[in-house]
Amino acid sequence: MFEDVQTFEEEFGRKIKLPTQVVKIRTALGIAYDYRFNKEFDKYNEQIKRLHNKHEGERCFIIGSGPSLNKTDFSLIKNEILFGVNTLYRGLKKFDISCDYWAVVDGKLFEVHYKPLLKLDTTLFLAEHAGQRYLKKKEFYSSDAALEPIVLRHLGSMNIWNKFSRDITQGVFSGGTVVIQSIQIAFYLGFKQVYLLGCDSDYSGMHRFDNLMTENVDGKGVTGGISYLFSAYEICRNAFEDEGREIINSTVGGKLEVFKRKRLEDVVGS
């Protein structure tokens, strides 16, 4: 009956096959769930609009949490605009860096780490399940916040809809890792070049710079499988190239080959 079938891993690692039509319906239901917070999302729009093209023509570095960070010379980018994600806060002292922007999308991770995350002196974006959980208990979480985070709507899977959000006042698409949402935010902020660090995309062994496991039950730190992740990265690459911008992978090693690579030493020297 259904010829178009997708195989992917759900949030907790269970592999399933579903017709694309069914996947789209499930995704739409997830988006509908966000509508109960619609007025809450709208409250952030003016704040978001003030960030539009704030960094037009500039470059930023989105820093993942892969083990390659331990081989990265962070002294080279101390004066650059840095974008942290998830539990990178554990490495801020070690790497002697601070981040201008931050993003979290995993709900369980946010619940476990909300105190240090909300105390960061940065512009914190919460999306997908992290954003939903924050809004459900906003009064509780706000008591620990140094600065109120910006919560973004979840627009569904980037791979299912084959779309990239150019306007984050409308929301952001998911793609298996928080870096996908971070790239969409960076696009809206106007960055011409986005460099990726610590985006190893290798989940075959210990895949955190601090040797600690992710809070995800599957222990992999990526939902939907690795091919799902790479497909989302390709959509991001195409969106940037359409606008004359680029995403460059400066990660030391790893398995992410969707983007052209450039050593950090060569980036800073250019």
Protein backbone atom coordinates (compact mmCIF):
# COMPACT_ATOMS: atom_id res chain seq x y z
CA MET A 1 0.00 0.00 0.00
CA PHE A 2 2.76 2.41 0.97
CA GLU A 3 5.80 2.41 -1.29
CA ASP A 4 7.52 5.39 0.35
CA VAL A 5 8.74 4.12 3.72
CA GLN A 6 11.26 5.74 6.07
CA THR A 7 13.47 3.88 8.52
CA PHE A 8 14.68 5.91 11.47
CA GLU A 9 15.39 5.74 15.17
CA GLU A 10 12.97 7.27 17.61
CA GLU A 11 14.16 9.36 20.55
CA PHE A 12 15.04 6.32 22.63
CA GLY A 13 16.85 4.33 19.97
CA ARG A 14 14.11 1.97 18.77
CA LYS A 15 14.40 1.42 15.02
CA ILE A 16 11.07 1.55 13.21
CA LYS A 17 9.73 1.73 9.67
CA LEU A 18 6.85 4.05 8.88
CA PRO A 19 5.20 5.26 5.68
CA THR A 20 6.24 8.83 4.93
CA GLN A 21 2.60 9.91 5.14
CA VAL A 22 2.38 8.57 8.68
CA VAL A 23 5.65 10.25 9.65
CA LYS A 24 4.32 13.57 8.37
CA ILE A 25 1.11 13.16 10.37
CA ARG A 26 3.07 12.40 13.52
CA THR A 27 5.29 15.40 12.89
CA ALA A 28 2.26 17.62 12.34
CA LEU A 29 0.79 16.44 15.63
CA GLY A 30 4.04 17.38 17.36
CA ILE A 31 3.86 20.84 15.83
CA ALA A 32 0.22 21.11 16.91
CA TYR A 33 1.36 20.35 20.46
CA ASP A 34 3.44 23.53 20.31
CA TYR A 35 0.37 25.60 19.46
CA ARG A 36 -0.83 25.48 23.03
CA PHE A 37 2.22 27.65 23.76
CA ASN A 38 1.55 29.89 20.76
CA LYS A 39 1.11 33.10 22.75
CA GLU A 40 4.24 32.29 24.73
CA PHE A 41 6.28 31.89 21.54
CA ASP A 42 4.96 35.20 20.22
CA LYS A 43 6.35 36.98 23.28
CA TYR A 44 9.87 36.28 22.07
CA ASN A 45 9.40 37.64 18.54
CA GLU A 46 10.44 41.22 19.21
CA GLN A 47 13.58 40.03 20.97
CA ILE A 48 14.34 37.68 18.08
CA LYS A 49 13.75 40.39 15.45
CA ARG A 50 16.35 42.60 17.11
CA LEU A 51 18.91 39.89 16.35
CA HIS A 52 18.09 39.68 12.65
CA ASN A 53 21.26 40.22 10.59
CA LYS A 54 23.02 41.55 13.69
CA HIS A 55 26.18 39.82 12.45
CA GLU A 56 25.67 40.30 8.72
CA GLY A 57 28.83 39.42 6.81
CA GLU A 58 30.66 38.14 9.90
CA ARG A 59 31.73 34.64 10.87
CA CYS A 60 31.03 32.45 13.88
CA PHE A 61 32.14 29.12 15.28
CA ILE A 62 29.55 26.58 16.38
CA ILE A 63 31.14 24.26 18.94
CA GLY A 64 29.76 20.77 19.42
CA SER A 65 30.84 18.43 22.20
CA GLY A 66 32.84 15.75 20.40
CA PRO A 67 36.15 14.37 21.72
CA SER A 68 38.03 16.23 18.98
CA LEU A 69 37.66 19.37 21.13
CA ASN A 70 40.53 18.01 23.22
CA LYS A 71 42.73 18.33 20.11
CA THR A 72 41.49 21.84 19.23
CA ASP A 73 43.59 24.94 19.85
CA PHE A 74 40.99 27.31 21.31
CA SER A 75 43.55 30.06 21.82
CA LEU A 76 43.17 30.73 18.09
CA ILE A 77 39.52 31.81 18.41
CA LYS A 78 39.43 33.67 21.73
CA ASN A 79 38.34 36.85 19.99
CA GLU A 80 35.82 35.19 17.67
CA ILE A 81 32.03 34.87 18.02
CA LEU A 82 31.39 31.48 19.57
CA PHE A 83 28.18 29.44 19.66
CA GLY A 84 28.00 26.71 22.32
CA VAL A 85 25.55 23.83 22.64
CA ASN A 86 24.31 21.39 25.25
CA THR A 87 26.84 20.47 27.94
CA LEU A 88 29.80 22.31 26.46
CA TYR A 89 29.60 24.45 29.61
CA ARG A 90 31.60 21.69 31.30
CA GLY A 91 34.55 22.62 29.12
CA LEU A 92 34.46 26.42 29.28
CA LYS A 93 37.15 26.64 31.95
CA LYS A 94 39.21 23.85 30.45
CA PHE A 95 39.24 25.47 27.01
CA ASP A 96 39.33 29.01 28.44
CA ILE A 97 36.48 30.26 26.26
CA SER A 98 33.13 31.97 26.63
CA CYS A 99 30.23 31.79 24.19
CA ASP A 100 28.10 34.59 22.84
CA TYR A 101 25.23 32.26 21.94
CA TRP A 102 23.99 28.88 23.13
CA ALA A 103 21.39 26.32 22.07
CA VAL A 104 19.70 23.32 23.69
CA VAL A 105 16.93 21.19 22.16
CA ASP A 106 16.96 17.89 24.07
CA GLY A 107 14.31 17.92 26.79
CA LYS A 108 15.92 15.38 29.09
CA LEU A 109 19.31 17.05 28.82
CA PHE A 110 17.75 20.39 29.71
CA GLU A 111 15.98 18.94 32.75
CA VAL A 112 19.24 17.48 34.06
CA HIS A 113 21.45 20.51 33.34
CA TYR A 114 19.06 23.46 33.52
CA LYS A 115 20.76 25.14 36.49
CA PRO A 116 24.23 25.67 34.95
CA LEU A 117 22.69 26.29 31.52
CA LEU A 118 20.35 29.02 32.76
CA LYS A 119 23.17 30.70 34.69
CA LEU A 120 25.35 31.12 31.60
CA ASP A 121 26.10 34.72 30.63
CA THR A 122 24.97 34.22 27.05
CA THR A 123 21.98 34.40 24.73
CA LEU A 124 20.40 31.00 25.25
CA PHE A 125 18.03 29.52 22.66
CA LEU A 126 15.73 26.66 23.65
CA ALA A 127 13.90 24.71 20.96
CA GLU A 128 12.00 21.47 20.46
CA HIS A 129 11.51 19.45 23.68
CA ALA A 130 13.80 21.70 25.73
CA GLY A 131 11.68 24.70 24.82
CA GLN A 132 8.43 22.88 25.53
CA ARG A 133 9.60 21.77 28.96
CA TYR A 134 10.80 25.26 29.82
CA LEU A 135 7.45 26.79 28.92
CA LYS A 136 5.51 24.13 30.85
CA LYS A 137 7.37 25.05 34.05
CA LYS A 138 8.51 28.55 33.16
CA GLU A 139 8.00 30.01 36.63
CA PHE A 140 10.05 27.20 38.17
CA TYR A 141 12.94 27.48 35.71
CA SER A 142 12.98 31.29 35.62
CA SER A 143 14.06 31.44 39.25
CA ASP A 144 17.45 29.99 38.20
CA ALA A 145 17.91 32.06 35.04
CA ALA A 146 20.58 34.76 34.86
CA LEU A 147 18.99 35.88 31.59
CA GLU A 148 15.66 34.71 30.20
CA PRO A 149 16.23 32.27 27.33
CA ILE A 150 14.65 32.71 23.91
CA VAL A 151 12.24 29.88 23.12
CA LEU A 152 11.72 28.89 19.48
CA ARG A 153 8.86 27.01 17.85
CA HIS A 154 9.50 23.50 16.58
CA LEU A 155 8.59 23.22 12.88
CA GLY A 156 9.13 19.49 12.55
CA SER A 157 11.82 17.39 10.88
CA MET A 158 14.06 19.07 8.32
CA ASN A 159 14.34 15.80 6.41
CA ILE A 160 10.62 15.11 6.27
CA TRP A 161 9.69 18.57 4.99
CA ASN A 162 12.98 19.20 3.14
CA LYS A 163 12.98 22.74 4.50
CA PHE A 164 15.39 25.12 6.22
CA SER A 165 14.18 27.98 8.40
CA ARG A 166 15.41 31.37 7.24
CA ASP A 167 13.16 33.16 9.71
CA ILE A 168 13.42 31.83 13.26
CA THR A 169 10.50 34.00 14.42
CA GLN A 170 8.50 31.26 12.69
CA GLY A 171 10.54 28.51 14.34
CA VAL A 172 13.33 26.05 13.49
CA PHE A 173 13.45 22.56 12.02
CA SER A 174 15.08 19.61 13.78
CA GLY A 175 17.66 17.34 12.19
CA GLY A 176 19.02 14.85 14.70
CA THR A 177 21.41 17.18 16.54
CA VAL A 178 21.26 20.60 18.19
CA VAL A 179 23.84 21.84 15.68
CA ILE A 180 21.13 21.81 12.98
CA GLN A 181 19.01 24.32 14.93
CA SER A 182 22.14 26.33 15.73
CA ILE A 183 22.95 26.65 12.04
CA GLN A 184 19.46 28.03 11.33
CA ILE A 185 19.87 30.55 14.15
CA ALA A 186 23.29 31.58 12.79
CA PHE A 187 21.73 32.08 9.36
CA TYR A 188 19.07 34.40 10.80
CA LEU A 189 21.73 36.37 12.66
CA GLY A 190 23.38 37.05 9.31
CA PHE A 191 26.66 35.14 9.56
CA LYS A 192 28.32 34.70 6.19
CA GLN A 193 30.62 31.88 7.31
CA VAL A 194 29.81 29.29 9.94
CA TYR A 195 32.68 27.09 11.10
CA LEU A 196 31.97 23.81 12.90
CA LEU A 197 34.19 22.52 15.71
CA GLY A 198 33.72 19.37 17.75
CA CYS A 199 31.12 18.04 15.32
CA ASP A 200 32.73 14.62 15.05
CA SER A 201 29.58 12.79 13.89
CA ASP A 202 31.16 9.58 15.13
CA TYR A 203 29.05 7.66 17.62
CA SER A 204 30.96 4.38 17.49
CA GLY A 205 32.62 4.90 20.88
CA MET A 206 32.91 7.54 23.60
CA HIS A 207 31.78 10.66 21.83
CA ARG A 208 31.99 13.46 24.39
CA PHE A 209 35.04 15.61 25.06
CA ASP A 210 34.63 14.96 28.81
CA ASN A 211 34.13 11.18 28.48
CA LEU A 212 30.64 11.47 29.95
CA MET A 213 27.67 9.88 28.23
CA THR A 214 24.75 11.82 26.87
CA GLU A 215 21.48 11.83 28.81
CA ASN A 216 19.70 10.20 25.86
CA VAL A 217 18.70 6.64 26.71
CA ASP A 218 20.22 5.33 23.47
CA GLY A 219 23.57 6.82 24.47
CA LYS A 220 24.22 7.97 20.90
CA GLY A 221 23.51 11.67 21.11
CA VAL A 222 21.82 11.75 17.71
CA THR A 223 18.23 10.87 16.87
CA GLY A 224 17.11 9.45 13.56
CA GLY A 225 20.36 7.71 12.66
CA ILE A 226 23.56 9.03 11.13
CA SER A 227 22.28 9.12 7.53
CA TYR A 228 19.34 11.20 8.77
CA LEU A 229 21.82 13.62 10.34
CA PHE A 230 23.97 13.93 7.22
CA SER A 231 20.87 14.57 5.08
CA ALA A 232 19.90 17.46 7.38
CA TYR A 233 23.42 18.86 7.12
CA GLU A 234 23.12 18.75 3.32
CA ILE A 235 19.92 20.81 3.48
CA CYS A 236 21.74 23.36 5.66
CA ARG A 237 24.68 23.48 3.24
CA ASN A 238 22.40 24.09 0.27
CA ALA A 239 20.49 26.86 2.06
CA PHE A 240 23.72 28.68 2.85
CA GLU A 241 25.13 28.25 -0.65
CA ASP A 242 21.90 29.58 -2.17
CA GLU A 243 22.58 32.85 -0.34
CA GLY A 244 26.29 33.02 -1.16
CA ARG A 245 27.27 31.92 2.32
CA GLU A 246 29.11 28.82 3.51
CA ILE A 247 29.43 26.28 6.28
CA ILE A 248 32.95 24.94 6.81
CA ASN A 249 33.99 21.98 8.91
CA SER A 250 37.04 22.76 11.04
CA THR A 251 36.58 19.76 13.31
CA VAL A 252 39.76 17.79 13.94
CA GLY A 253 39.01 14.45 12.27
CA GLY A 254 35.56 12.94 12.62
CA LYS A 255 33.18 11.58 9.99
CA LEU A 256 31.35 14.69 8.83
CA GLU A 257 32.22 15.17 5.14
CA VAL A 258 29.13 17.08 3.97
CA PHE A 259 30.99 20.40 4.14
CA LYS A 260 34.38 21.39 2.84
CA ARG A 261 37.08 21.23 5.49
CA LYS A 262 39.53 23.88 6.60
CA ARG A 263 41.98 23.61 9.45
CA LEU A 264 41.39 26.06 12.27
CA GLU A 265 44.96 27.29 11.94
CA ASP A 266 44.28 28.20 8.30
CA VAL A 267 40.93 29.82 9.11
CA VAL A 268 42.40 32.20 11.64
CA GLY A 269 45.32 32.96 9.36
CA SER A 270 43.01 33.93 6.50
